[in-house]
Amino acid sequence: MQNNSEKLKHILDLTESITQEFLSQNNGISINNLKEKIKDFLFNPLWDIDSLYQLKRIFKDLDLDDKGTNDLWKLIEETFDLCSARQLKSKSHVYEGKIRVYEKQLIEILVDAGKTKGQNAVFASIIGYLLLHRSLTQTQLKQLTGYSKGAISQSLQLLSNAPAIKKEPLEGQREFLYTLGADMADIASNIGSYKSESNELAIKFLKNKLQELEINRDKNGYEILSKRVTKMVKFFEYNVSLLEKIKESSFIKELKEDN
């Protein structure tokens, strides 16, 4: 049987082996990424669950190509979101089942759009959820976004200084209600614009979601989400037409001639 010093040496030898393997397969990637993952693996009790290892083994047995892997991951993510929605279904601000999944996908679009103007994901997520729900508390935003209380609090403090966000105390509570007073046009100017191809992909995605939403008409959140999606489609269609006009403008034509 190994004593503690032998076990410690074995741990350090394994660490060196794992590190060398990581560096050989991920040339140029910071070693901090590996450190964080290993620390989580060692200290997080979630990794003691046998079903996680079963999931990994079955996943590897499938031997999928890149497209198959991405498609499967989308299904896995959807399962995550559905489970989360069921856990929070007693909360009035959480949409039911598939509606919750669609909502998260819309937020991802807004977060991606925000990145084009250097906006961080926390800001874009808060604006997106307020766009869909109009009014939410800090606690509700934390539950919906998954970000820490500190990140939400700091972002709300900054956003509250903007005229588009209203902050009102809730009677009898220690919380505030945050409301988005802006319309889709104002949101678009803050979140940023996609290039033409991204706009068209967003339109296609949103129109598909509108069709899928129809089979969930009886679910909590359907009416408000369908209205917001329709507005988003109009916004992205406007972006496409605007970009086309810019491309055809005399200014752009003159630039091309000069080149």
C-alpha atoms as a PDB file:
ATOM      1  CA  MET A   1       0.000   0.000   0.000  1.00  0.00           C
ATOM      2  CA  GLN A   2       1.314   3.452  -0.914  1.00  0.00           C
ATOM      3  CA  ASN A   3       2.092   5.918   1.846  1.00  0.00           C
ATOM      4  CA  ASN A   4       1.193   9.621   1.565  1.00  0.00           C
ATOM      5  CA  SER A   5       4.562  10.668   0.127  1.00  0.00           C
ATOM      6  CA  GLU A   6       4.282   8.046  -2.610  1.00  0.00           C
ATOM      7  CA  LYS A   7       0.738   9.126  -3.378  1.00  0.00           C
ATOM      8  CA  LEU A   8       1.850  12.747  -3.590  1.00  0.00           C
ATOM      9  CA  LYS A   9       4.635  11.854  -6.038  1.00  0.00           C
ATOM     10  CA  HIS A  10       2.136   9.865  -8.122  1.00  0.00           C
ATOM     11  CA  ILE A  11      -0.214  12.876  -8.209  1.00  0.00           C
ATOM     12  CA  LEU A  12       2.572  15.179  -9.397  1.00  0.00           C
ATOM     13  CA  ASP A  13       3.723  12.661 -12.021  1.00  0.00           C
ATOM     14  CA  LEU A  14       0.149  12.376 -13.321  1.00  0.00           C
ATOM     15  CA  THR A  15      -0.151  16.173 -13.347  1.00  0.00           C
ATOM     16  CA  GLU A  16       3.006  16.452 -15.456  1.00  0.00           C
ATOM     17  CA  SER A  17       1.731  13.805 -17.871  1.00  0.00           C
ATOM     18  CA  ILE A  18      -1.664  15.522 -18.233  1.00  0.00           C
ATOM     19  CA  THR A  19       0.005  18.897 -18.759  1.00  0.00           C
ATOM     20  CA  GLN A  20       2.342  17.595 -21.469  1.00  0.00           C
ATOM     21  CA  GLU A  21      -0.597  15.951 -23.254  1.00  0.00           C
ATOM     22  CA  PHE A  22      -2.627  19.160 -23.049  1.00  0.00           C
ATOM     23  CA  LEU A  23       0.202  21.323 -24.389  1.00  0.00           C
ATOM     24  CA  SER A  24       0.895  18.949 -27.277  1.00  0.00           C
ATOM     25  CA  GLN A  25      -2.756  18.945 -28.344  1.00  0.00           C
ATOM     26  CA  ASN A  26      -3.511  22.631 -27.706  1.00  0.00           C
ATOM     27  CA  ASN A  27      -0.526  24.576 -28.941  1.00  0.00           C
ATOM     28  CA  GLY A  28      -0.767  28.219 -27.927  1.00  0.00           C
ATOM     29  CA  ILE A  29      -3.651  27.834 -25.453  1.00  0.00           C
ATOM     30  CA  SER A  30      -3.022  29.237 -21.982  1.00  0.00           C
ATOM     31  CA  ILE A  31      -2.240  26.665 -19.315  1.00  0.00           C
ATOM     32  CA  ASN A  32      -4.629  28.555 -17.009  1.00  0.00           C
ATOM     33  CA  ASN A  33      -7.503  26.961 -18.905  1.00  0.00           C
ATOM     34  CA  LEU A  34      -6.251  23.503 -17.926  1.00  0.00           C
ATOM     35  CA  LYS A  35      -5.638  24.568 -14.317  1.00  0.00           C
ATOM     36  CA  GLU A  36      -9.241  25.752 -13.930  1.00  0.00           C
ATOM     37  CA  LYS A  37     -10.673  22.573 -15.432  1.00  0.00           C
ATOM     38  CA  ILE A  38      -8.510  20.251 -13.295  1.00  0.00           C
ATOM     39  CA  LYS A  39      -9.303  22.210 -10.121  1.00  0.00           C
ATOM     40  CA  ASP A  40     -13.016  21.965 -10.863  1.00  0.00           C
ATOM     41  CA  PHE A  41     -12.668  18.259 -11.648  1.00  0.00           C
ATOM     42  CA  LEU A  42     -10.888  17.553  -8.339  1.00  0.00           C
ATOM     43  CA  PHE A  43     -12.932  19.713  -5.983  1.00  0.00           C
ATOM     44  CA  ASN A  44     -16.419  19.793  -7.499  1.00  0.00           C
ATOM     45  CA  PRO A  45     -18.563  16.954  -6.041  1.00  0.00           C
ATOM     46  CA  LEU A  46     -20.488  16.819  -9.317  1.00  0.00           C
ATOM     47  CA  TRP A  47     -17.591  14.864 -10.842  1.00  0.00           C
ATOM     48  CA  ASP A  48     -18.204  11.987  -8.404  1.00  0.00           C
ATOM     49  CA  ILE A  49     -21.448  11.114 -10.197  1.00  0.00           C
ATOM     50  CA  ASP A  50     -21.147   7.845 -12.159  1.00  0.00           C
ATOM     51  CA  SER A  51     -23.603   8.987 -14.849  1.00  0.00           C
ATOM     52  CA  LEU A  52     -21.126  11.665 -15.976  1.00  0.00           C
ATOM     53  CA  TYR A  53     -18.581   9.003 -16.839  1.00  0.00           C
ATOM     54  CA  GLN A  54     -21.278   6.984 -18.615  1.00  0.00           C
ATOM     55  CA  LEU A  55     -22.151  10.087 -20.641  1.00  0.00           C
ATOM     56  CA  LYS A  56     -18.518  10.599 -21.621  1.00  0.00           C
ATOM     57  CA  ARG A  57     -18.044   6.937 -22.576  1.00  0.00           C
ATOM     58  CA  ILE A  58     -21.199   6.723 -24.714  1.00  0.00           C
ATOM     59  CA  PHE A  59     -20.389  10.051 -26.346  1.00  0.00           C
ATOM     60  CA  LYS A  60     -16.921   8.815 -27.358  1.00  0.00           C
ATOM     61  CA  ASP A  61     -18.377   5.499 -28.611  1.00  0.00           C
ATOM     62  CA  LEU A  62     -20.551   7.412 -31.098  1.00  0.00           C
ATOM     63  CA  ASP A  63     -17.389   8.688 -32.855  1.00  0.00           C
ATOM     64  CA  LEU A  64     -19.223  11.640 -34.421  1.00  0.00           C
ATOM     65  CA  ASP A  65     -17.859  14.115 -36.956  1.00  0.00           C
ATOM     66  CA  ASP A  66     -17.858  17.862 -36.192  1.00  0.00           C
ATOM     67  CA  LYS A  67     -21.408  18.415 -37.437  1.00  0.00           C
ATOM     68  CA  GLY A  68     -22.731  15.420 -35.530  1.00  0.00           C
ATOM     69  CA  THR A  69     -20.958  16.592 -32.388  1.00  0.00           C
ATOM     70  CA  ASN A  70     -22.441  20.091 -32.682  1.00  0.00           C
ATOM     71  CA  ASP A  71     -25.945  18.720 -33.320  1.00  0.00           C
ATOM     72  CA  LEU A  72     -25.717  16.407 -30.317  1.00  0.00           C
ATOM     73  CA  TRP A  73     -24.436  19.199 -28.096  1.00  0.00           C
ATOM     74  CA  LYS A  74     -27.447  21.334 -29.065  1.00  0.00           C
ATOM     75  CA  LEU A  75     -29.736  18.506 -27.920  1.00  0.00           C
ATOM     76  CA  ILE A  76     -27.780  18.179 -24.675  1.00  0.00           C
ATOM     77  CA  GLU A  77     -27.983  21.948 -24.099  1.00  0.00           C
ATOM     78  CA  GLU A  78     -31.719  21.861 -24.728  1.00  0.00           C
ATOM     79  CA  THR A  79     -32.058  19.135 -22.092  1.00  0.00           C
ATOM     80  CA  PHE A  80     -30.091  21.294 -19.639  1.00  0.00           C
ATOM     81  CA  ASP A  81     -32.436  24.207 -20.281  1.00  0.00           C
ATOM     82  CA  LEU A  82     -35.613  22.136 -20.041  1.00  0.00           C
ATOM     83  CA  CYS A  83     -34.496  20.686 -16.700  1.00  0.00           C
ATOM     84  CA  SER A  84     -33.635  24.160 -15.444  1.00  0.00           C
ATOM     85  CA  ALA A  85     -37.015  25.490 -16.554  1.00  0.00           C
ATOM     86  CA  ARG A  86     -38.816  22.650 -14.750  1.00  0.00           C
ATOM     87  CA  GLN A  87     -36.834  23.385 -11.602  1.00  0.00           C
ATOM     88  CA  LEU A  88     -37.862  27.044 -11.728  1.00  0.00           C
ATOM     89  CA  LYS A  89     -41.384  26.606 -13.110  1.00  0.00           C
ATOM     90  CA  SER A  90     -42.935  27.894  -9.883  1.00  0.00           C
ATOM     91  CA  LYS A  91     -41.354  31.266 -10.691  1.00  0.00           C
ATOM     92  CA  SER A  92     -43.716  33.477 -12.679  1.00  0.00           C
ATOM     93  CA  HIS A  93     -40.874  35.007 -14.696  1.00  0.00           C
ATOM     94  CA  VAL A  94     -39.618  31.658 -16.026  1.00  0.00           C
ATOM     95  CA  TYR A  95     -41.208  30.474 -19.255  1.00  0.00           C
ATOM     96  CA  GLU A  96     -42.381  26.892 -19.554  1.00  0.00           C
ATOM     97  CA  GLY A  97     -40.541  24.060 -21.332  1.00  0.00           C
ATOM     98  CA  LYS A  98     -39.658  24.803 -24.939  1.00  0.00           C
ATOM     99  CA  ILE A  99     -40.584  28.469 -24.553  1.00  0.00           C
ATOM    100  CA  ARG A 100     -37.709  28.780 -22.090  1.00  0.00           C
ATOM    101  CA  VAL A 101     -35.342  27.113 -24.580  1.00  0.00           C
ATOM    102  CA  TYR A 102     -36.385  29.496 -27.364  1.00  0.00           C
ATOM    103  CA  GLU A 103     -35.973  32.437 -25.008  1.00  0.00           C
ATOM    104  CA  LYS A 104     -32.376  31.443 -24.233  1.00  0.00           C
ATOM    105  CA  GLN A 105     -31.609  31.057 -27.933  1.00  0.00           C
ATOM    106  CA  LEU A 106     -32.894  34.593 -28.573  1.00  0.00           C
ATOM    107  CA  ILE A 107     -30.699  35.903 -25.764  1.00  0.00           C
ATOM    108  CA  GLU A 108     -27.702  34.218 -27.425  1.00  0.00           C
ATOM    109  CA  ILE A 109     -28.449  36.133 -30.641  1.00  0.00           C
ATOM    110  CA  LEU A 110     -28.525  39.424 -28.736  1.00  0.00           C
ATOM    111  CA  VAL A 111     -25.307  38.584 -26.869  1.00  0.00           C
ATOM    112  CA  ASP A 112     -23.550  37.755 -30.159  1.00  0.00           C
ATOM    113  CA  ALA A 113     -24.816  41.004 -31.671  1.00  0.00           C
ATOM    114  CA  GLY A 114     -23.571  42.935 -28.653  1.00  0.00           C
ATOM    115  CA  LYS A 115     -20.077  41.566 -29.129  1.00  0.00           C
ATOM    116  CA  THR A 116     -19.841  43.423 -32.457  1.00  0.00           C
ATOM    117  CA  LYS A 117     -19.742  46.663 -30.455  1.00  0.00           C
ATOM    118  CA  GLY A 118     -17.570  45.357 -27.669  1.00  0.00           C
ATOM    119  CA  GLN A 119     -20.457  44.928 -25.254  1.00  0.00           C
ATOM    120  CA  ASN A 120     -19.910  42.270 -22.611  1.00  0.00           C
ATOM    121  CA  ALA A 121     -22.191  39.258 -22.293  1.00  0.00           C
ATOM    122  CA  VAL A 122     -23.631  40.273 -18.902  1.00  0.00           C
ATOM    123  CA  PHE A 123     -24.822  43.645 -20.234  1.00  0.00           C
ATOM    124  CA  ALA A 124     -26.292  42.113 -23.384  1.00  0.00           C
ATOM    125  CA  SER A 125     -28.032  39.343 -21.409  1.00  0.00           C
ATOM    126  CA  ILE A 126     -29.618  41.809 -18.986  1.00  0.00           C
ATOM    127  CA  ILE A 127     -30.830  44.041 -21.818  1.00  0.00           C
ATOM    128  CA  GLY A 128     -32.112  40.994 -23.698  1.00  0.00           C
ATOM    129  CA  TYR A 129     -34.097  39.609 -20.761  1.00  0.00           C
ATOM    130  CA  LEU A 130     -35.537  43.027 -19.964  1.00  0.00           C
ATOM    131  CA  LEU A 131     -36.486  43.353 -23.621  1.00  0.00           C
ATOM    132  CA  LEU A 132     -38.419  40.075 -23.402  1.00  0.00           C
ATOM    133  CA  HIS A 133     -39.918  40.548 -19.928  1.00  0.00           C
ATOM    134  CA  ARG A 134     -39.991  44.365 -19.618  1.00  0.00           C
ATOM    135  CA  SER A 135     -39.546  44.300 -15.811  1.00  0.00           C
ATOM    136  CA  LEU A 136     -37.401  42.023 -13.611  1.00  0.00           C
ATOM    137  CA  THR A 137     -35.715  42.130 -10.212  1.00  0.00           C
ATOM    138  CA  GLN A 138     -32.011  41.523  -9.628  1.00  0.00           C
ATOM    139  CA  THR A 139     -32.810  38.075  -8.188  1.00  0.00           C
ATOM    140  CA  GLN A 140     -34.868  37.152 -11.252  1.00  0.00           C
ATOM    141  CA  LEU A 141     -32.113  38.334 -13.595  1.00  0.00           C
ATOM    142  CA  LYS A 142     -29.588  36.221 -11.687  1.00  0.00           C
ATOM    143  CA  GLN A 143     -31.823  33.143 -12.073  1.00  0.00           C
ATOM    144  CA  LEU A 144     -32.428  33.755 -15.771  1.00  0.00           C
ATOM    145  CA  THR A 145     -28.885  34.668 -16.830  1.00  0.00           C
ATOM    146  CA  GLY A 146     -26.936  32.313 -14.561  1.00  0.00           C
ATOM    147  CA  TYR A 147     -24.416  35.063 -13.787  1.00  0.00           C
ATOM    148  CA  SER A 148     -23.245  35.794 -10.244  1.00  0.00           C
ATOM    149  CA  LYS A 149     -25.035  38.236  -7.952  1.00  0.00           C
ATOM    150  CA  GLY A 150     -21.992  40.510  -8.056  1.00  0.00           C
ATOM    151  CA  ALA A 151     -21.844  40.611 -11.863  1.00  0.00           C
ATOM    152  CA  ILE A 152     -25.572  41.349 -12.144  1.00  0.00           C
ATOM    153  CA  SER A 153     -25.469  43.994  -9.403  1.00  0.00           C
ATOM    154  CA  GLN A 154     -22.493  45.810 -10.933  1.00  0.00           C
ATOM    155  CA  SER A 155     -24.004  45.766 -14.424  1.00  0.00           C
ATOM    156  CA  LEU A 156     -27.405  46.966 -13.196  1.00  0.00           C
ATOM    157  CA  GLN A 157     -25.748  49.803 -11.335  1.00  0.00           C
ATOM    158  CA  LEU A 158     -24.108  50.987 -14.546  1.00  0.00           C
ATOM    159  CA  LEU A 159     -27.197  50.409 -16.693  1.00  0.00           C
ATOM    160  CA  SER A 160     -29.431  52.271 -14.237  1.00  0.00           C
ATOM    161  CA  ASN A 161     -27.511  55.439 -15.069  1.00  0.00           C
ATOM    162  CA  ALA A 162     -28.789  55.135 -18.640  1.00  0.00           C
ATOM    163  CA  PRO A 163     -32.222  56.654 -19.375  1.00  0.00           C
ATOM    164  CA  ALA A 164     -33.438  53.426 -21.012  1.00  0.00           C
ATOM    165  CA  ILE A 165     -33.360  51.506 -17.691  1.00  0.00           C
ATOM    166  CA  LYS A 166     -35.701  52.482 -14.857  1.00  0.00           C
ATOM    167  CA  LYS A 167     -35.126  51.400 -11.264  1.00  0.00           C
ATOM    168  CA  GLU A 168     -38.006  51.406  -8.799  1.00  0.00           C
ATOM    169  CA  PRO A 169     -38.187  50.065  -5.203  1.00  0.00           C
ATOM    170  CA  LEU A 170     -40.628  47.227  -4.568  1.00  0.00           C
ATOM    171  CA  GLU A 171     -43.039  48.005  -1.753  1.00  0.00           C
ATOM    172  CA  GLY A 172     -42.404  45.930   1.354  1.00  0.00           C
ATOM    173  CA  GLN A 173     -39.261  44.348  -0.113  1.00  0.00           C
ATOM    174  CA  ARG A 174     -35.556  45.070  -0.172  1.00  0.00           C
ATOM    175  CA  GLU A 175     -35.408  44.624  -3.941  1.00  0.00           C
ATOM    176  CA  PHE A 176     -35.750  46.935  -6.894  1.00  0.00           C
ATOM    177  CA  LEU A 177     -37.675  46.378 -10.111  1.00  0.00           C
ATOM    178  CA  TYR A 178     -35.729  47.147 -13.274  1.00  0.00           C
ATOM    179  CA  THR A 179     -37.715  48.118 -16.359  1.00  0.00           C
ATOM    180  CA  LEU A 180     -36.635  48.622 -19.930  1.00  0.00           C
ATOM    181  CA  GLY A 181     -38.282  51.750 -21.218  1.00  0.00           C
ATOM    182  CA  ALA A 182     -36.769  51.607 -24.698  1.00  0.00           C
ATOM    183  CA  ASP A 183     -38.269  50.096 -27.832  1.00  0.00           C
ATOM    184  CA  MET A 184     -36.628  47.698 -30.287  1.00  0.00           C
ATOM    185  CA  ALA A 185     -34.973  50.499 -32.248  1.00  0.00           C
ATOM    186  CA  ASP A 186     -33.257  51.842 -29.137  1.00  0.00           C
ATOM    187  CA  ILE A 187     -32.194  48.350 -28.099  1.00  0.00           C
ATOM    188  CA  ALA A 188     -30.733  47.758 -31.541  1.00  0.00           C
ATOM    189  CA  SER A 189     -28.593  50.877 -31.326  1.00  0.00           C
ATOM    190  CA  ASN A 190     -27.209  49.757 -27.957  1.00  0.00           C
ATOM    191  CA  ILE A 191     -26.697  46.088 -28.761  1.00  0.00           C
ATOM    192  CA  GLY A 192     -25.175  46.564 -32.191  1.00  0.00           C
ATOM    193  CA  SER A 193     -25.829  45.484 -35.771  1.00  0.00           C
ATOM    194  CA  TYR A 194     -24.925  42.324 -37.603  1.00  0.00           C
ATOM    195  CA  LYS A 195     -23.344  42.276 -41.007  1.00  0.00           C
ATOM    196  CA  SER A 196     -25.731  41.383 -43.837  1.00  0.00           C
ATOM    197  CA  GLU A 197     -25.103  37.610 -43.801  1.00  0.00           C
ATOM    198  CA  SER A 198     -25.614  37.423 -40.030  1.00  0.00           C
ATOM    199  CA  ASN A 199     -28.840  39.400 -40.319  1.00  0.00           C
ATOM    200  CA  GLU A 200     -30.196  36.935 -42.848  1.00  0.00           C
ATOM    201  CA  LEU A 201     -29.252  33.960 -40.673  1.00  0.00           C
ATOM    202  CA  ALA A 202     -30.935  35.627 -37.710  1.00  0.00           C
ATOM    203  CA  ILE A 203     -34.110  36.217 -39.746  1.00  0.00           C
ATOM    204  CA  LYS A 204     -34.213  32.574 -40.846  1.00  0.00           C
ATOM    205  CA  PHE A 205     -33.658  31.371 -37.285  1.00  0.00           C
ATOM    206  CA  LEU A 206     -36.300  33.688 -35.815  1.00  0.00           C
ATOM    207  CA  LYS A 207     -38.925  32.783 -38.413  1.00  0.00           C
ATOM    208  CA  ASN A 208     -38.344  29.095 -37.692  1.00  0.00           C
ATOM    209  CA  LYS A 209     -38.807  29.811 -33.991  1.00  0.00           C
ATOM    210  CA  LEU A 210     -42.079  31.607 -34.690  1.00  0.00           C
ATOM    211  CA  GLN A 211     -43.373  28.446 -36.385  1.00  0.00           C
ATOM    212  CA  GLU A 212     -42.164  26.231 -33.545  1.00  0.00           C
ATOM    213  CA  LEU A 213     -43.752  28.546 -30.982  1.00  0.00           C
ATOM    214  CA  GLU A 214     -47.200  27.907 -32.462  1.00  0.00           C
ATOM    215  CA  ILE A 215     -47.348  24.416 -30.935  1.00  0.00           C
ATOM    216  CA  ASN A 216     -46.680  25.974 -27.522  1.00  0.00           C
ATOM    217  CA  ARG A 217     -49.470  28.554 -27.584  1.00  0.00           C
ATOM    218  CA  ASP A 218     -50.854  27.344 -24.261  1.00  0.00           C
ATOM    219  CA  LYS A 219     -47.555  27.709 -22.408  1.00  0.00           C
ATOM    220  CA  ASN A 220     -46.595  30.513 -20.057  1.00  0.00           C
ATOM    221  CA  GLY A 221     -44.627  33.161 -21.948  1.00  0.00           C
ATOM    222  CA  TYR A 222     -45.911  32.328 -25.457  1.00  0.00           C
ATOM    223  CA  GLU A 223     -47.730  35.594 -26.152  1.00  0.00           C
ATOM    224  CA  ILE A 224     -45.016  37.992 -25.039  1.00  0.00           C
ATOM    225  CA  LEU A 225     -42.184  35.958 -26.583  1.00  0.00           C
ATOM    226  CA  SER A 226     -43.932  35.648 -29.956  1.00  0.00           C
ATOM    227  CA  LYS A 227     -44.457  39.414 -30.029  1.00  0.00           C
ATOM    228  CA  ARG A 228     -40.816  40.053 -29.216  1.00  0.00           C
ATOM    229  CA  VAL A 229     -39.625  37.584 -31.875  1.00  0.00           C
ATOM    230  CA  THR A 230     -41.815  39.279 -34.479  1.00  0.00           C
ATOM    231  CA  LYS A 231     -40.281  42.637 -33.569  1.00  0.00           C
ATOM    232  CA  MET A 232     -36.801  41.165 -33.807  1.00  0.00           C
ATOM    233  CA  VAL A 233     -37.538  39.775 -37.276  1.00  0.00           C
ATOM    234  CA  LYS A 234     -38.635  43.249 -38.396  1.00  0.00           C
ATOM    235  CA  PHE A 235     -35.487  44.760 -36.897  1.00  0.00           C
ATOM    236  CA  PHE A 236     -33.140  42.355 -38.701  1.00  0.00           C
ATOM    237  CA  GLU A 237     -35.108  42.779 -41.964  1.00  0.00           C
ATOM    238  CA  TYR A 238     -34.665  46.517 -41.586  1.00  0.00           C
ATOM    239  CA  ASN A 239     -30.925  45.974 -41.080  1.00  0.00           C
ATOM    240  CA  VAL A 240     -30.722  43.982 -44.331  1.00  0.00           C
ATOM    241  CA  SER A 241     -32.551  46.644 -46.337  1.00  0.00           C
ATOM    242  CA  LEU A 242     -30.433  49.390 -44.780  1.00  0.00           C
ATOM    243  CA  LEU A 243     -27.183  47.588 -45.570  1.00  0.00           C
ATOM    244  CA  GLU A 244     -28.329  47.052 -49.160  1.00  0.00           C
ATOM    245  CA  LYS A 245     -29.042  50.764 -49.515  1.00  0.00           C
ATOM    246  CA  ILE A 246     -25.606  51.583 -48.138  1.00  0.00           C
ATOM    247  CA  LYS A 247     -23.964  49.162 -50.599  1.00  0.00           C
ATOM    248  CA  GLU A 248     -25.800  50.816 -53.483  1.00  0.00           C
ATOM    249  CA  SER A 249     -25.119  54.370 -52.328  1.00  0.00           C
ATOM    250  CA  SER A 250     -23.080  56.769 -54.454  1.00  0.00           C
ATOM    251  CA  PHE A 251     -20.588  57.091 -51.597  1.00  0.00           C
ATOM    252  CA  ILE A 252     -19.733  53.362 -51.696  1.00  0.00           C
ATOM    253  CA  LYS A 253     -19.627  53.365 -55.496  1.00  0.00           C
ATOM    254  CA  GLU A 254     -17.165  56.253 -55.420  1.00  0.00           C
ATOM    255  CA  LEU A 255     -14.980  54.395 -52.941  1.00  0.00           C
ATOM    256  CA  LYS A 256     -14.921  51.333 -55.225  1.00  0.00           C
ATOM    257  CA  GLU A 257     -14.001  53.496 -58.217  1.00  0.00           C
ATOM    258  CA  ASP A 258     -11.165  55.107 -56.258  1.00  0.00           C
ATOM    259  CA  ASN A 259      -9.750  51.663 -55.487  1.00  0.00           C
END
